Every structure is written in structure tokens, then in C-alpha cells.
Protein backbone atom coordinates (compact mmCIF):
# COMPACT_ATOMS: atom_id res chain seq x y z
CA MET A 1 -4.36 -40.12 -9.26
CA THR A 2 -7.25 -37.67 -8.93
CA LEU A 3 -9.54 -40.56 -7.97
CA LEU A 4 -7.14 -41.61 -5.22
CA ILE A 5 -6.97 -38.07 -3.81
CA PHE A 6 -10.75 -37.75 -3.98
CA SER A 7 -11.13 -41.07 -2.16
CA ARG A 8 -8.73 -40.03 0.60
CA THR A 9 -10.44 -36.65 0.90
CA SER A 10 -13.83 -38.33 1.06
CA LEU A 11 -12.61 -40.78 3.70
CA ILE A 12 -11.16 -37.97 5.82
CA SER A 13 -14.42 -36.00 5.47
CA ILE A 14 -16.50 -39.01 6.49
CA LEU A 15 -14.26 -39.74 9.48
CA GLY A 16 -14.45 -36.07 10.50
CA LEU A 17 -18.24 -36.17 10.30
CA LEU A 18 -18.28 -39.35 12.40
CA LEU A 19 -16.10 -37.68 15.04
CA ILE A 20 -18.47 -34.71 15.19
CA CYS A 21 -21.51 -37.02 15.48
CA PHE A 22 -19.80 -39.09 18.17
CA GLY A 23 -18.97 -35.96 20.16
CA SER A 24 -22.54 -34.71 19.87
CA SER A 25 -23.93 -37.99 21.17
CA GLN A 26 -21.71 -37.60 24.22
CA VAL A 27 -23.28 -34.24 25.02
CA PHE A 28 -26.87 -35.40 24.58
CA ALA A 29 -26.57 -38.80 26.25
CA GLN A 30 -28.79 -39.41 29.25
CA GLN A 31 -27.44 -37.57 32.26
CA SER A 32 -27.48 -38.98 35.77
CA ASP A 33 -25.96 -38.11 39.11
CA GLN A 34 -25.04 -41.78 39.64
CA ASN A 35 -22.34 -43.63 37.73
CA VAL A 36 -23.29 -46.84 35.95
CA ARG A 37 -22.14 -49.78 38.08
CA THR A 38 -20.89 -52.97 36.51
CA ILE A 39 -20.86 -56.39 38.10
CA ALA A 40 -17.73 -57.06 40.18
CA THR A 41 -16.14 -59.64 37.87
CA LEU A 42 -16.93 -61.48 34.64
CA ASP A 43 -15.95 -65.11 34.05
CA VAL A 44 -15.58 -64.86 30.27
CA PRO A 45 -15.54 -68.62 29.57
CA ARG A 46 -18.92 -68.94 31.35
CA TYR A 47 -20.26 -65.94 29.42
CA LEU A 48 -19.42 -67.45 26.02
CA GLY A 49 -22.16 -69.00 23.94
CA THR A 50 -25.60 -67.86 22.81
CA TRP A 51 -27.54 -65.00 24.38
CA TYR A 52 -31.06 -64.05 23.22
CA GLU A 53 -32.06 -60.40 23.22
CA ILE A 54 -35.11 -59.99 25.45
CA ALA A 55 -35.35 -56.20 25.39
CA LYS A 56 -33.31 -53.17 24.36
CA PHE A 57 -33.27 -49.42 24.21
CA PRO A 58 -34.10 -48.59 20.56
CA ASN A 59 -31.01 -47.79 18.49
CA TRP A 60 -30.25 -46.92 14.87
CA PHE A 61 -28.11 -49.96 14.07
CA GLN A 62 -30.85 -52.50 14.90
CA LYS A 63 -33.73 -50.78 13.07
CA LYS A 64 -34.05 -53.56 10.49
CA CYS A 65 -34.35 -56.27 13.19
CA VAL A 66 -37.92 -57.33 13.93
CA SER A 67 -37.43 -60.62 15.82
CA ASN A 68 -35.13 -63.43 16.93
CA THR A 69 -32.20 -61.21 17.80
CA LYS A 70 -29.34 -63.05 19.40
CA ALA A 71 -25.59 -62.86 19.95
CA VAL A 72 -23.11 -65.72 19.95
CA TYR A 73 -19.78 -65.12 21.69
CA SER A 74 -16.76 -67.37 21.11
CA ALA A 75 -13.12 -67.20 22.17
CA LYS A 76 -10.40 -66.31 19.68
CA PRO A 77 -6.81 -67.59 20.02
CA ASP A 78 -5.56 -64.05 20.75
CA GLY A 79 -7.77 -63.75 23.86
CA ASN A 80 -10.39 -61.53 22.24
CA LEU A 81 -13.95 -62.61 21.51
CA ARG A 82 -15.73 -63.18 18.22
CA VAL A 83 -19.22 -61.68 18.28
CA LEU A 84 -21.86 -62.87 15.83
CA ASN A 85 -25.11 -60.93 16.07
CA SER A 86 -28.13 -62.03 14.07
CA CYS A 87 -31.81 -61.19 13.72
CA LYS A 88 -34.81 -61.65 11.45
CA THR A 89 -35.83 -58.75 9.22
CA ALA A 90 -39.37 -57.82 8.16
CA ALA A 91 -38.72 -59.69 4.90
CA GLY A 92 -38.04 -62.86 6.89
CA GLU A 93 -34.34 -62.86 6.07
CA THR A 94 -31.57 -63.40 8.58
CA SER A 95 -29.29 -60.40 9.01
CA GLU A 96 -25.86 -61.01 10.55
CA ALA A 97 -23.05 -58.78 11.78
CA GLU A 98 -19.71 -60.15 12.88
CA GLY A 99 -17.60 -58.19 15.31
CA LEU A 100 -14.81 -58.35 17.83
CA ALA A 101 -14.88 -57.76 21.58
CA ARG A 102 -11.93 -57.09 23.85
CA GLN A 103 -11.77 -56.81 27.61
CA ILE A 104 -10.63 -53.56 29.15
CA GLY A 105 -8.41 -54.11 32.16
CA SER A 106 -7.97 -57.41 33.96
CA LYS A 107 -8.97 -60.88 32.68
CA ASP A 108 -12.11 -60.80 34.84
CA SER A 109 -13.14 -57.24 33.96
CA PRO A 110 -16.85 -56.79 33.17
CA LYS A 111 -15.93 -53.87 30.88
CA LEU A 112 -15.46 -54.72 27.23
CA GLU A 113 -15.31 -52.83 23.97
CA VAL A 114 -16.84 -54.10 20.73
CA ARG A 115 -16.43 -53.12 17.12
CA PHE A 116 -18.22 -54.15 13.96
CA ALA A 117 -16.16 -51.89 11.69
CA PRO A 118 -13.47 -53.43 9.47
CA GLU A 119 -10.21 -54.35 11.18
CA TRP A 120 -8.26 -51.71 9.25
CA LEU A 121 -10.29 -49.05 11.11
CA SER A 122 -9.67 -50.58 14.55
CA PHE A 123 -7.04 -47.95 15.39
CA LEU A 124 -9.83 -45.33 15.56
CA PRO A 125 -11.37 -45.02 19.03
CA LEU A 126 -14.79 -44.12 17.61
CA VAL A 127 -15.29 -47.57 16.01
CA TRP A 128 -15.19 -49.19 19.45
CA GLY A 129 -18.33 -49.17 21.59
CA ASP A 130 -18.55 -49.76 25.32
CA TYR A 131 -20.04 -53.11 26.36
CA TRP A 132 -20.38 -53.11 30.14
CA VAL A 133 -21.99 -56.07 31.88
CA ILE A 134 -24.02 -54.29 34.56
CA ASP A 135 -26.14 -57.16 35.84
CA LEU A 136 -25.69 -60.93 35.70
CA ASP A 137 -27.25 -63.69 37.77
CA PRO A 138 -24.92 -66.21 39.49
CA GLN A 139 -25.95 -68.94 37.00
CA TYR A 140 -25.06 -66.75 33.98
CA GLN A 141 -28.61 -67.05 32.61
CA LEU A 142 -29.84 -63.43 32.55
CA ALA A 143 -27.73 -60.34 31.91
CA ALA A 144 -27.94 -56.61 31.30
CA VAL A 145 -25.40 -54.77 29.17
CA SER A 146 -25.00 -51.02 28.81
CA ASP A 147 -22.45 -48.24 28.53
CA PRO A 148 -21.24 -45.53 30.95
CA ARG A 149 -23.71 -42.96 29.52
CA ARG A 150 -26.86 -45.12 29.74
CA GLU A 151 -27.34 -44.52 26.02
CA TYR A 152 -27.72 -48.21 25.22
CA LEU A 153 -29.23 -51.07 27.18
CA TRP A 154 -29.79 -54.71 26.34
CA VAL A 155 -31.38 -57.44 28.44
CA LEU A 156 -30.04 -60.84 27.40
CA SER A 157 -31.05 -64.38 28.34
CA ARG A 158 -29.71 -67.85 27.66
CA THR A 159 -33.24 -68.84 26.66
CA PRO A 160 -35.69 -67.05 24.33
CA GLN A 161 -38.17 -66.71 27.23
CA PRO A 162 -36.58 -65.86 30.59
CA ASP A 163 -38.12 -66.63 33.95
CA PRO A 164 -40.72 -63.84 34.51
CA LYS A 165 -39.74 -63.24 38.16
CA ALA A 166 -36.02 -63.09 37.33
CA TYR A 167 -36.79 -60.60 34.54
CA ALA A 168 -38.97 -58.43 36.82
CA ASP A 169 -36.25 -58.45 39.49
CA LEU A 170 -33.67 -57.41 36.90
CA LEU A 171 -35.84 -54.50 35.80
CA GLN A 172 -36.03 -53.30 39.41
CA ARG A 173 -32.23 -53.39 39.70
CA LEU A 174 -31.97 -51.41 36.46
CA LYS A 175 -34.35 -48.79 37.88
CA GLN A 176 -32.09 -48.56 40.94
CA GLN A 177 -29.24 -47.77 38.55
CA GLN A 178 -31.39 -44.92 37.15
CA PHE A 179 -32.21 -46.55 33.82
CA ASP A 180 -35.51 -45.46 32.29
CA ILE A 181 -36.97 -48.94 31.82
CA GLN A 182 -40.02 -47.41 30.08
CA LYS A 183 -37.71 -46.97 27.06
CA LEU A 184 -37.15 -50.73 26.81
CA GLU A 185 -38.49 -52.34 23.65
CA ILE A 186 -39.38 -56.03 23.99
CA THR A 187 -37.74 -58.24 21.36
CA ALA A 188 -39.96 -60.92 19.79
CA GLN A 189 -38.39 -64.36 19.98
CA LYS A 190 -40.38 -66.65 17.69
CA ASN A 191 -39.94 -70.31 16.86
CA GLU A 192 -37.94 -70.71 13.66
CA GLY A 193 -40.97 -72.43 12.09
CA SER A 194 -43.38 -69.50 12.72
């Protein structure tokens, strides 16, 4: 019985610490006088499939990833999306994280939330992260994803090497949205054999 109480107390303490950390990140997130703009609508069935990470703002949860980062999105029967992220580590191993994404608002909303925490924690708002599609070409080949605080940013492509002009144009649009593109870290996409 003591073990059970200790476990509950520990869990409550950890959750409290996470809430404090989450609140602190809100205060220190990049400030801007302009709201982050999403695309007008997202056709989710066209968005499904594989997206290669071309660049990102550095973040703590991808520190072990050194190359070949990608995300595969697939539809679930309940209308949500299965997210399978993978990357290569410095040891040459493949690291995977499976998550869930849900749209916020209408069926064509470009605002989603994702979680990689266990389902039993899904009732906690802090386990859900914003996933806003803020730029997407008409062919659904090159995208930018962020959050309302500009804390995170990912540039994604259907191919490991996007068209250089399309990528440069995307970076200019991100600058217009007041993203500090100097913070972008290029993601190595290597052939599986190398």
C-alpha cells in the first residue's frame, strides 16, 4: 500500500513539475507582434503519407536524431491520424515514436494537435502539442509546420531533396511571418545504403 501511495505521489509531483515547465515555456517563447498564420484549409487525405524533414528549429525531443528524419501520417477509423516519426541515431539505429494527431475545428482545419504520450494521459492538455500547417504548396509537396508561439518549426517535403527554388521561396514566406530562419537546422537525408 505504501508503494502505491508513493507511486501516486510521485506521479502527481511529476505532473506538477511538467505543468510548471509548460507554463514557463509559454512565458519565454518567441514574442512577435504578428500572429502566426496558417494556410486557409487542409485536405487531410492529400496530406497523408510520408514527409521528409528538411529543416527544423532545434528541440529537446529530437536531440538523438542525426539524419533521415521523416513522418508518416495515416488515417485511423475514428477520424484521427496515426503519426509515425522515425530517424537515424548516431549509432546508426532507427529510432521511432508513434503518436496521434487530431484536427481542431472543422474537417479542413489546418490546426491539429499531436501527442506521443500514452493514451491514458490524453486527458491532460499538456501532453498535446500544437501542429499548425502554416505553409503548403498547391501540389502538397513542400510544407511548413509550427505552433502559435513560433517555438517550433519544421520544413517538410515529399522527397528527401526538395526543389531548391521552392525551398528558398518557402524560407522567404517564413521570414514574412517573422520566423527567425537563421535558427533552422538542416536535416541530413542520406541514402539508406550510406
